[in-house]
Amino acid sequence: MSLRFDVYEPKLQDASVRYYPGFLAKDVADAYFSELLDTIPWQNDPITIFGKTYPQPRMTSLHGHTTDPYGYSGIVMQPNPMTKSLKEIETKIQTLCEERFTTVLLNLYRDGKDSNGWHADDERELGINPVIASVSLGAERYFHLKHKNDKTQRLKFALAHGSLLLMEGSTQHHWKHQVAKTAREVGPRINLTFRKVIKAH
């Protein structure tokens, strides 16, 4: 039986998006944020864009139930084990969606200079119509969506501390998303993106 949460479901062409602002109670979200900030083995991998290599504008860490690597933008990451807290958050997500995840990619945005540019989570190892479950902890940041073909189709909303964003169906085929840099003074934010990595044969 699913728990009751307030949900925002924007009506988007070629996409299925659900946003739960109160997914985690504030005290629970505060505790997870402090623990993950201090205990996750954060790393800063170089990323290559148009032939030039830069430090990624955020810190990352990959954790999984399996030892299968996950790659994006020329980076191949080897997973660390799932921690007790990551498993707890994953179990709570599964009260709202039926996907069984293998892997979670954590991003640490240290301040407003850290960002994640326009992209879709459409890597081959995620399969067709992947479910991406994104939990936000810490400072509020704006999440941008834009349709790949129809430039009039755009959306922006804030991701609150303790919130859950589910992207399902054909969203990754037709839409890109980003967390842009901001000149505002903002504190650190941790984003946990749960996904199912399909092992190549």
Protein backbone atom coordinates (compact mmCIF):
# COMPACT_ATOMS: atom_id res chain seq x y z
CA MET A 1 0.00 0.00 0.00
CA SER A 2 1.43 3.38 -1.04
CA LEU A 3 1.82 6.18 1.47
CA ARG A 4 0.01 9.45 0.75
CA PHE A 5 2.15 12.34 -0.48
CA ASP A 6 1.32 15.63 -2.17
CA VAL A 7 2.36 15.33 -5.81
CA TYR A 8 2.91 17.77 -8.68
CA GLU A 9 2.40 16.17 -12.09
CA PRO A 10 3.07 18.68 -14.89
CA LYS A 11 1.30 17.90 -18.15
CA LEU A 12 4.22 17.47 -20.53
CA GLN A 13 4.26 16.26 -24.11
CA ASP A 14 6.08 12.90 -24.48
CA ALA A 15 6.98 12.70 -20.78
CA SER A 16 5.86 11.41 -17.40
CA VAL A 17 7.14 13.44 -14.45
CA ARG A 18 6.03 13.26 -10.82
CA TYR A 19 7.38 15.56 -8.10
CA TYR A 20 6.85 14.91 -4.37
CA PRO A 21 8.03 17.97 -2.38
CA GLY A 22 7.44 16.36 1.04
CA PHE A 23 8.91 12.93 0.33
CA LEU A 24 11.16 13.05 3.42
CA ALA A 25 10.31 14.86 6.66
CA LYS A 26 12.67 17.75 7.37
CA ASP A 27 14.41 16.13 10.35
CA VAL A 28 14.94 12.90 8.37
CA ALA A 29 16.26 14.82 5.34
CA ASP A 30 18.56 16.88 7.61
CA ALA A 31 20.05 13.70 9.11
CA TYR A 32 20.60 12.03 5.73
CA PHE A 33 22.18 15.20 4.31
CA SER A 34 24.71 15.50 7.15
CA GLU A 35 25.59 11.81 7.04
CA LEU A 36 26.03 11.60 3.28
CA LEU A 37 28.04 14.82 3.12
CA ASP A 38 30.50 13.46 5.69
CA THR A 39 30.70 9.76 4.82
CA ILE A 40 30.28 9.33 1.04
CA PRO A 41 33.63 8.89 -0.85
CA TRP A 42 33.16 11.93 -3.09
CA GLN A 43 35.34 12.21 -6.19
CA ASN A 44 35.87 14.78 -8.92
CA ASP A 45 36.33 13.03 -12.29
CA PRO A 46 37.54 14.92 -15.36
CA ILE A 47 34.95 15.27 -18.13
CA THR A 48 35.68 15.75 -21.84
CA ILE A 49 33.46 18.14 -23.80
CA PHE A 50 34.12 18.92 -27.47
CA GLY A 51 37.65 17.52 -27.17
CA LYS A 52 38.61 19.52 -24.08
CA THR A 53 38.93 18.03 -20.61
CA TYR A 54 37.82 19.84 -17.46
CA PRO A 55 37.15 18.93 -13.83
CA GLN A 56 33.43 18.16 -13.47
CA PRO A 57 31.60 21.13 -11.90
CA ARG A 58 30.38 18.94 -9.00
CA MET A 59 31.49 15.96 -6.91
CA THR A 60 30.12 12.47 -7.56
CA SER A 61 29.96 8.96 -6.12
CA LEU A 62 28.44 5.77 -7.55
CA HIS A 63 26.94 3.04 -5.35
CA GLY A 64 25.28 -0.20 -6.39
CA HIS A 65 23.85 -3.56 -5.46
CA THR A 66 26.05 -5.03 -8.20
CA THR A 67 29.64 -4.47 -9.35
CA ASP A 68 28.52 -3.37 -12.83
CA PRO A 69 30.15 -0.06 -13.87
CA TYR A 70 28.17 2.90 -15.16
CA GLY A 71 29.41 5.33 -17.78
CA TYR A 72 28.40 8.76 -19.07
CA SER A 73 30.17 11.57 -20.97
CA GLY A 74 33.34 9.50 -21.33
CA ILE A 75 33.49 8.71 -17.60
CA VAL A 76 33.27 5.10 -16.44
CA MET A 77 32.53 4.76 -12.73
CA GLN A 78 32.95 1.66 -10.57
CA PRO A 79 30.29 1.35 -7.86
CA ASN A 80 30.90 1.47 -4.14
CA PRO A 81 28.64 -0.72 -1.97
CA MET A 82 25.17 0.51 -1.06
CA THR A 83 25.10 1.95 2.44
CA LYS A 84 22.36 1.44 5.04
CA SER A 85 21.02 4.96 4.46
CA LEU A 86 20.98 4.61 0.67
CA LYS A 87 19.04 1.35 1.03
CA GLU A 88 16.55 3.04 3.38
CA ILE A 89 15.91 5.85 0.89
CA GLU A 90 15.60 3.36 -1.96
CA THR A 91 13.02 1.31 -0.04
CA LYS A 92 10.96 4.43 0.59
CA ILE A 93 11.04 5.35 -3.13
CA GLN A 94 9.64 1.92 -3.92
CA THR A 95 6.42 2.82 -2.10
CA LEU A 96 5.79 5.22 -5.01
CA CYS A 97 7.20 3.37 -8.03
CA GLU A 98 7.61 -0.28 -8.91
CA GLU A 99 11.10 -0.11 -10.44
CA ARG A 100 13.82 -2.15 -8.76
CA PHE A 101 17.02 -0.14 -8.97
CA THR A 102 20.56 -1.48 -9.15
CA THR A 103 22.54 1.73 -8.80
CA VAL A 104 22.50 5.24 -7.38
CA LEU A 105 24.63 8.12 -8.69
CA LEU A 106 25.15 10.83 -6.07
CA ASN A 107 26.00 14.40 -7.03
CA LEU A 108 27.32 17.02 -4.59
CA TYR A 109 26.78 20.63 -5.67
CA ARG A 110 29.10 22.52 -3.33
CA ASP A 111 27.74 26.00 -4.16
CA GLY A 112 26.03 27.91 -6.97
CA LYS A 113 29.06 27.50 -9.25
CA ASP A 114 28.50 23.74 -9.38
CA SER A 115 26.08 22.55 -12.05
CA ASN A 116 24.98 19.76 -14.38
CA GLY A 117 24.51 20.82 -18.02
CA TRP A 118 21.77 19.87 -20.45
CA HIS A 119 21.57 16.08 -20.86
CA ALA A 120 19.24 13.09 -20.96
CA ASP A 121 19.74 9.92 -18.93
CA ASP A 122 19.62 7.81 -22.08
CA GLU A 123 22.79 5.71 -21.89
CA ARG A 124 22.43 2.30 -23.51
CA GLU A 125 22.93 0.43 -20.23
CA LEU A 126 19.80 2.10 -18.79
CA GLY A 127 17.61 0.35 -21.35
CA ILE A 128 14.44 1.64 -23.01
CA ASN A 129 12.24 4.08 -21.05
CA PRO A 130 14.37 4.13 -17.88
CA VAL A 131 12.89 5.19 -14.56
CA ILE A 132 15.06 7.82 -12.83
CA ALA A 133 14.26 8.59 -9.19
CA SER A 134 15.96 11.75 -7.94
CA VAL A 135 16.06 12.71 -4.25
CA SER A 136 17.24 16.21 -3.29
CA LEU A 137 18.87 17.09 0.04
CA GLY A 138 20.25 20.45 1.15
CA ALA A 139 20.01 23.78 -0.65
CA GLU A 140 17.13 24.32 -3.06
CA ARG A 141 18.13 24.48 -6.74
CA TYR A 142 16.12 24.99 -9.90
CA PHE A 143 15.51 22.03 -12.21
CA HIS A 144 15.11 22.84 -15.91
CA LEU A 145 13.44 20.65 -18.54
CA LYS A 146 13.27 21.26 -22.29
CA HIS A 147 11.87 19.19 -25.16
CA LYS A 148 14.50 18.00 -27.64
CA ASN A 149 12.47 18.94 -30.72
CA ASP A 150 9.80 21.47 -29.67
CA LYS A 151 11.60 24.54 -28.31
CA THR A 152 8.35 25.95 -26.91
CA GLN A 153 8.10 23.07 -24.46
CA ARG A 154 10.06 24.07 -21.35
CA LEU A 155 9.59 23.87 -17.58
CA LYS A 156 11.49 25.09 -14.52
CA PHE A 157 10.74 24.46 -10.85
CA ALA A 158 12.65 24.34 -7.57
CA LEU A 159 13.73 21.03 -6.05
CA ALA A 160 13.14 21.27 -2.30
CA HIS A 161 15.12 19.70 0.54
CA GLY A 162 13.72 16.20 1.07
CA SER A 163 11.89 16.06 -2.26
CA LEU A 164 11.58 13.22 -4.80
CA LEU A 165 11.39 13.64 -8.58
CA LEU A 166 10.38 10.64 -10.72
CA MET A 167 11.02 10.69 -14.47
CA GLU A 168 9.38 7.75 -16.23
CA GLY A 169 8.07 6.54 -19.59
CA SER A 170 9.57 8.17 -22.68
CA THR A 171 10.88 11.26 -20.83
CA GLN A 172 14.57 10.57 -21.52
CA HIS A 173 13.89 10.05 -25.27
CA HIS A 174 12.22 13.41 -25.78
CA TRP A 175 13.46 15.74 -23.03
CA LYS A 176 16.74 17.05 -21.63
CA HIS A 177 17.25 18.42 -18.12
CA GLN A 178 19.82 20.43 -16.20
CA VAL A 179 20.70 22.09 -12.90
CA ALA A 180 22.20 25.39 -14.00
CA LYS A 181 24.80 27.55 -12.28
CA THR A 182 23.40 30.38 -10.19
CA ALA A 183 24.85 33.69 -8.97
CA ARG A 184 22.70 33.43 -5.84
CA GLU A 185 24.40 32.52 -2.57
CA VAL A 186 23.39 28.89 -2.05
CA GLY A 187 24.70 26.21 0.25
CA PRO A 188 25.61 22.64 -0.69
CA ARG A 189 23.07 20.26 -2.22
CA ILE A 190 23.20 16.46 -2.55
CA ASN A 191 21.21 14.76 -5.30
CA LEU A 192 20.69 10.98 -5.33
CA THR A 193 19.64 9.58 -8.72
CA PHE A 194 18.52 5.96 -8.53
CA ARG A 195 18.50 3.96 -11.76
CA LYS A 196 18.53 0.42 -13.10
CA VAL A 197 21.71 -0.50 -14.98
CA ILE A 198 21.24 -3.39 -17.40
CA LYS A 199 24.35 -5.52 -17.78
CA ALA A 200 25.56 -5.81 -21.38
CA HIS A 201 25.82 -9.32 -22.82
